[in-house]
């Protein structure tokens, strides 16, 4: 049976380097990770799926909880024969990574949490996400994309980066994005989980991120038993695209450390 998710798999063959799995945020797709796929696929297997409801993956209407996304990722990695790996996620992708750690943490060799936060949704946040889901179904993605573009990336971001981010958002399925929003509104609290993570972690955040401010990253860094915090200047919510060289430098150093562990 073919995998449920669409994905990119940069498989160099036999290598001692730990595979890297990249989980995109909302409302994006796997092209969000182009700078990292290009940088790290020389001698390392790098896998980037389109989450359920996004990119070229099938849409499930209604509500798709983070647990469903985590099950999809586990199923894809099972089918690809990938057992141990570094799991990296940004924003909603970071919350999916935390859900994966709760469900199959024994397979994870390292965690990368970028521009994300571990707390459960507030009552106001639940109302807001469900209202946005209703709006996307009624109006489509373009108005939302226009409104949030300069929060996803900084107003001073490179025009080509802005264009890529806007194109990902407007190409997203309203039904898929709405289902993810409804599911994410019901997410659990991962803060206690972070204190029990037994593998190295990298926490990354854009210095000008207003969705998940530096204070959120600092709190995750403090909770994780073995973590490195990297704040990237000149970036907002998508530092991997806004400042790819700096992001890749931090990720590369982390991967080298994980590669060297027994």
Protein backbone atom coordinates (compact mmCIF):
# COMPACT_ATOMS: atom_id res chain seq x y z
CA UNK A 1 0.00 0.00 0.00
CA UNK A 2 1.47 3.40 -0.91
CA UNK A 3 2.02 5.95 1.87
CA UNK A 4 -0.98 8.11 2.74
CA UNK A 5 1.10 11.29 2.85
CA UNK A 6 2.84 12.98 -0.05
CA UNK A 7 6.49 13.47 0.83
CA UNK A 8 10.00 14.25 -0.31
CA UNK A 9 12.66 11.67 0.54
CA UNK A 10 16.29 12.57 -0.03
CA UNK A 11 17.82 9.12 0.51
CA UNK A 12 21.57 8.95 -0.17
CA UNK A 13 21.74 5.22 0.58
CA UNK A 14 23.93 3.72 3.28
CA UNK A 15 25.16 6.42 5.68
CA UNK A 16 26.09 6.65 9.34
CA UNK A 17 24.28 9.96 9.72
CA UNK A 18 20.96 10.00 11.55
CA UNK A 19 17.97 10.66 9.24
CA UNK A 20 16.25 14.02 9.56
CA UNK A 21 12.45 14.32 9.41
CA UNK A 22 10.97 17.80 8.86
CA UNK A 23 7.38 18.66 9.87
CA UNK A 24 5.95 21.86 8.40
CA UNK A 25 3.59 24.33 10.05
CA UNK A 26 0.16 25.76 9.21
CA UNK A 27 -0.87 26.61 6.53
CA UNK A 28 2.19 25.53 4.60
CA UNK A 29 3.57 22.44 2.88
CA UNK A 30 6.84 20.59 2.57
CA UNK A 31 8.33 23.27 0.28
CA UNK A 32 8.70 25.28 3.49
CA UNK A 33 11.82 23.18 4.09
CA UNK A 34 13.56 23.72 0.72
CA UNK A 35 16.67 25.38 2.25
CA UNK A 36 17.07 22.50 4.71
CA UNK A 37 16.42 19.77 2.12
CA UNK A 38 19.12 21.33 -0.05
CA UNK A 39 21.60 21.78 2.79
CA UNK A 40 21.37 18.49 4.65
CA UNK A 41 20.65 15.89 1.98
CA UNK A 42 24.34 15.49 1.08
CA UNK A 43 25.09 12.25 2.92
CA UNK A 44 22.00 12.29 5.14
CA UNK A 45 18.49 11.00 4.54
CA UNK A 46 16.06 13.90 4.81
CA UNK A 47 12.30 13.32 4.72
CA UNK A 48 9.70 16.08 4.50
CA UNK A 49 6.02 15.08 4.33
CA UNK A 50 3.00 17.16 3.42
CA UNK A 51 0.74 16.85 6.45
CA UNK A 52 -2.79 15.51 6.04
CA UNK A 53 -4.84 18.30 4.46
CA UNK A 54 -1.86 20.23 3.10
CA UNK A 55 0.19 20.26 -0.09
CA UNK A 56 -0.33 17.13 -2.16
CA UNK A 57 -1.62 14.99 0.73
CA UNK A 58 -5.31 14.05 0.91
CA UNK A 59 -7.77 16.26 2.78
CA UNK A 60 -9.77 14.93 5.71
CA UNK A 61 -12.72 17.23 6.46
CA UNK A 62 -14.00 18.05 9.93
CA UNK A 63 -11.28 17.95 12.57
CA UNK A 64 -7.80 16.44 12.41
CA UNK A 65 -6.14 16.30 15.84
CA UNK A 66 -2.40 16.42 16.36
CA UNK A 67 -2.55 12.74 17.30
CA UNK A 68 -3.74 11.91 13.77
CA UNK A 69 -0.83 13.84 12.27
CA UNK A 70 1.56 11.97 14.57
CA UNK A 71 0.08 8.62 13.53
CA UNK A 72 0.46 9.61 9.87
CA UNK A 73 4.15 10.42 10.38
CA UNK A 74 4.76 7.16 12.23
CA UNK A 75 3.03 5.24 9.44
CA UNK A 76 5.07 6.97 6.74
CA UNK A 77 8.35 6.25 8.53
CA UNK A 78 7.29 2.63 9.03
CA UNK A 79 6.67 2.27 5.31
CA UNK A 80 9.99 3.92 4.48
CA UNK A 81 11.83 1.67 6.94
CA UNK A 82 13.14 4.55 9.05
CA UNK A 83 13.52 3.64 12.71
CA UNK A 84 15.74 6.17 14.51
CA UNK A 85 15.70 9.82 13.40
CA UNK A 86 15.92 13.46 14.40
CA UNK A 87 12.43 14.96 14.33
CA UNK A 88 12.12 18.69 13.61
CA UNK A 89 8.97 20.77 13.52
CA UNK A 90 8.05 24.43 13.25
CA UNK A 91 4.97 26.06 14.83
CA UNK A 92 2.11 23.53 14.52
CA UNK A 93 4.78 21.14 13.26
CA UNK A 94 6.60 21.57 16.57
CA UNK A 95 3.45 20.64 18.46
CA UNK A 96 3.09 17.57 16.24
CA UNK A 97 6.71 16.71 17.07
CA UNK A 98 5.82 16.89 20.77
CA UNK A 99 2.86 14.59 20.17
CA UNK A 100 5.20 12.20 18.36
CA UNK A 101 7.55 12.28 21.35
CA UNK A 102 4.64 11.29 23.57
CA UNK A 103 3.63 8.42 21.28
CA UNK A 104 6.89 6.97 19.95
CA UNK A 105 9.66 8.83 21.71
CA UNK A 106 11.81 5.67 21.78
CA UNK A 107 12.39 6.10 18.02
CA UNK A 108 13.49 9.73 18.26
CA UNK A 109 17.21 10.47 18.54
CA UNK A 110 16.86 14.25 18.78
CA UNK A 111 14.12 16.91 18.84
CA UNK A 112 14.10 20.26 17.07
CA UNK A 113 11.37 22.66 18.22
CA UNK A 114 11.23 25.84 16.14
CA UNK A 115 8.92 28.80 16.75
CA UNK A 116 6.42 26.74 18.71
CA UNK A 117 5.03 26.41 22.23
CA UNK A 118 3.89 23.48 24.40
CA UNK A 119 0.87 24.79 26.32
CA UNK A 120 -2.67 23.60 25.71
CA UNK A 121 -5.04 26.02 24.01
CA UNK A 122 -6.87 28.58 26.14
CA UNK A 123 -10.66 28.85 25.95
CA UNK A 124 -10.27 32.08 23.97
CA UNK A 125 -7.73 30.39 21.72
CA UNK A 126 -10.15 27.53 21.03
CA UNK A 127 -12.88 29.97 20.07
CA UNK A 128 -10.47 31.90 17.86
CA UNK A 129 -9.19 28.81 16.02
CA UNK A 130 -12.69 27.49 15.41
CA UNK A 131 -13.85 30.91 14.21
CA UNK A 132 -10.89 31.05 11.82
CA UNK A 133 -11.76 27.56 10.56
CA UNK A 134 -15.28 28.79 9.81
CA UNK A 135 -13.87 31.83 8.02
CA UNK A 136 -11.48 29.81 5.85
CA UNK A 137 -14.31 27.52 4.77
CA UNK A 138 -16.50 30.50 3.93
CA UNK A 139 -13.95 32.82 2.32
CA UNK A 140 -10.96 30.73 1.23
CA UNK A 141 -7.31 31.36 2.05
CA UNK A 142 -6.35 34.59 0.28
CA UNK A 143 -7.72 37.16 2.73
CA UNK A 144 -6.16 35.31 5.66
CA UNK A 145 -2.85 35.00 3.80
CA UNK A 146 -2.80 38.73 3.04
CA UNK A 147 -3.48 39.58 6.69
CA UNK A 148 -0.90 37.35 8.36
CA UNK A 149 1.95 37.43 5.82
CA UNK A 150 3.97 40.02 7.72
CA UNK A 151 3.55 38.12 10.97
CA UNK A 152 4.62 34.81 9.43
CA UNK A 153 7.72 36.55 8.07
CA UNK A 154 9.05 39.91 9.17
CA UNK A 155 7.93 42.99 7.21
CA UNK A 156 11.56 43.46 6.16
CA UNK A 157 11.91 39.88 4.83
CA UNK A 158 13.27 39.20 1.36
CA UNK A 159 10.53 39.69 -1.27
CA UNK A 160 11.15 36.23 -2.73
CA UNK A 161 10.67 34.67 0.70
CA UNK A 162 7.47 36.66 1.19
CA UNK A 163 6.20 35.50 -2.20
CA UNK A 164 6.95 31.84 -1.39
CA UNK A 165 5.21 32.03 1.98
CA UNK A 166 2.17 33.79 0.51
CA UNK A 167 1.98 31.23 -2.31
CA UNK A 168 2.03 28.32 0.15
CA UNK A 169 -0.78 29.87 2.18
CA UNK A 170 -3.01 30.67 -0.79
CA UNK A 171 -2.45 27.20 -2.27
CA UNK A 172 -3.54 25.45 0.92
CA UNK A 173 -6.91 23.69 0.96
CA UNK A 174 -9.38 25.68 3.09
CA UNK A 175 -10.99 22.40 4.18
CA UNK A 176 -7.65 20.90 5.16
CA UNK A 177 -6.49 24.02 6.99
CA UNK A 178 -9.81 24.32 8.83
CA UNK A 179 -9.67 20.68 9.96
CA UNK A 180 -6.15 21.17 11.29
CA UNK A 181 -7.19 24.33 13.14
CA UNK A 182 -10.10 22.54 14.82
CA UNK A 183 -7.88 19.63 15.82
CA UNK A 184 -5.11 21.87 17.09
CA UNK A 185 -7.60 23.77 19.26
CA UNK A 186 -8.08 20.57 21.30
CA UNK A 187 -4.38 19.75 21.79
CA UNK A 188 -3.08 18.61 25.15
CA UNK A 189 -0.50 20.36 27.32
CA UNK A 190 3.02 19.16 26.50
CA UNK A 191 4.90 21.08 29.19
CA UNK A 192 5.29 18.13 31.55
CA UNK A 193 6.29 15.91 28.63
CA UNK A 194 9.23 18.21 27.85
CA UNK A 195 10.71 17.62 31.31
CA UNK A 196 10.92 13.88 30.48
CA UNK A 197 12.53 14.11 27.04
CA UNK A 198 15.58 11.83 27.22
CA UNK A 199 17.33 12.94 24.02
CA UNK A 200 19.08 16.17 23.04
CA UNK A 201 16.86 19.01 21.85
CA UNK A 202 17.38 22.18 19.86
CA UNK A 203 15.04 25.11 20.44
CA UNK A 204 15.07 27.77 17.71
CA UNK A 205 13.08 30.99 17.42
CA UNK A 206 13.11 34.13 15.34
CA UNK A 207 13.93 37.16 17.46
CA UNK A 208 10.98 39.09 16.02
CA UNK A 209 8.42 36.27 16.20
CA UNK A 210 5.14 37.59 17.65
CA UNK A 211 3.21 34.31 17.36
CA UNK A 212 5.66 32.37 19.54
CA UNK A 213 7.91 34.94 21.22
CA UNK A 214 11.41 34.33 22.50
CA UNK A 215 9.99 33.94 26.02
CA UNK A 216 8.16 30.78 24.89
CA UNK A 217 11.39 29.35 23.50
CA UNK A 218 13.24 30.21 26.72
CA UNK A 219 10.59 28.38 28.76
CA UNK A 220 10.91 25.25 26.60
CA UNK A 221 14.68 25.43 26.84
CA UNK A 222 14.42 25.61 30.64
CA UNK A 223 12.03 22.64 30.78
CA UNK A 224 14.01 20.31 28.53
CA UNK A 225 16.73 18.32 30.35
CA UNK A 226 19.30 18.62 27.54
CA UNK A 227 18.65 21.48 25.14
CA UNK A 228 20.32 24.28 23.22
CA UNK A 229 18.54 27.57 22.56
CA UNK A 230 19.25 29.55 19.39
CA UNK A 231 17.59 32.93 18.81
CA UNK A 232 17.89 34.05 15.19
CA UNK A 233 18.13 37.80 14.67
CA UNK A 234 16.38 39.35 11.69
CA UNK A 235 13.58 36.78 11.52
CA UNK A 236 10.00 36.35 12.65
CA UNK A 237 7.99 33.08 12.62
CA UNK A 238 9.83 31.30 9.78
CA UNK A 239 13.56 31.71 10.45
CA UNK A 240 14.37 28.61 8.39
CA UNK A 241 13.24 30.59 5.31
CA UNK A 242 14.02 34.13 6.43
CA UNK A 243 17.56 33.41 7.66
CA UNK A 244 18.37 29.97 6.23
CA UNK A 245 22.14 30.21 6.71
CA UNK A 246 21.82 30.94 10.42
CA UNK A 247 19.09 28.34 10.88
CA UNK A 248 21.10 25.71 9.02
CA UNK A 249 24.22 26.48 11.02
CA UNK A 250 22.37 25.86 14.30
CA UNK A 251 20.66 22.74 12.95
CA UNK A 252 23.89 21.42 11.44
CA UNK A 253 25.75 21.71 14.73
CA UNK A 254 22.91 19.90 16.49
CA UNK A 255 22.82 17.11 13.91
CA UNK A 256 26.58 16.61 14.21
CA UNK A 257 26.16 16.19 17.94
CA UNK A 258 23.39 13.63 17.52
CA UNK A 259 25.42 11.77 14.88
CA UNK A 260 28.26 11.42 17.38
CA UNK A 261 26.13 9.89 20.14
CA UNK A 262 26.28 6.10 20.65
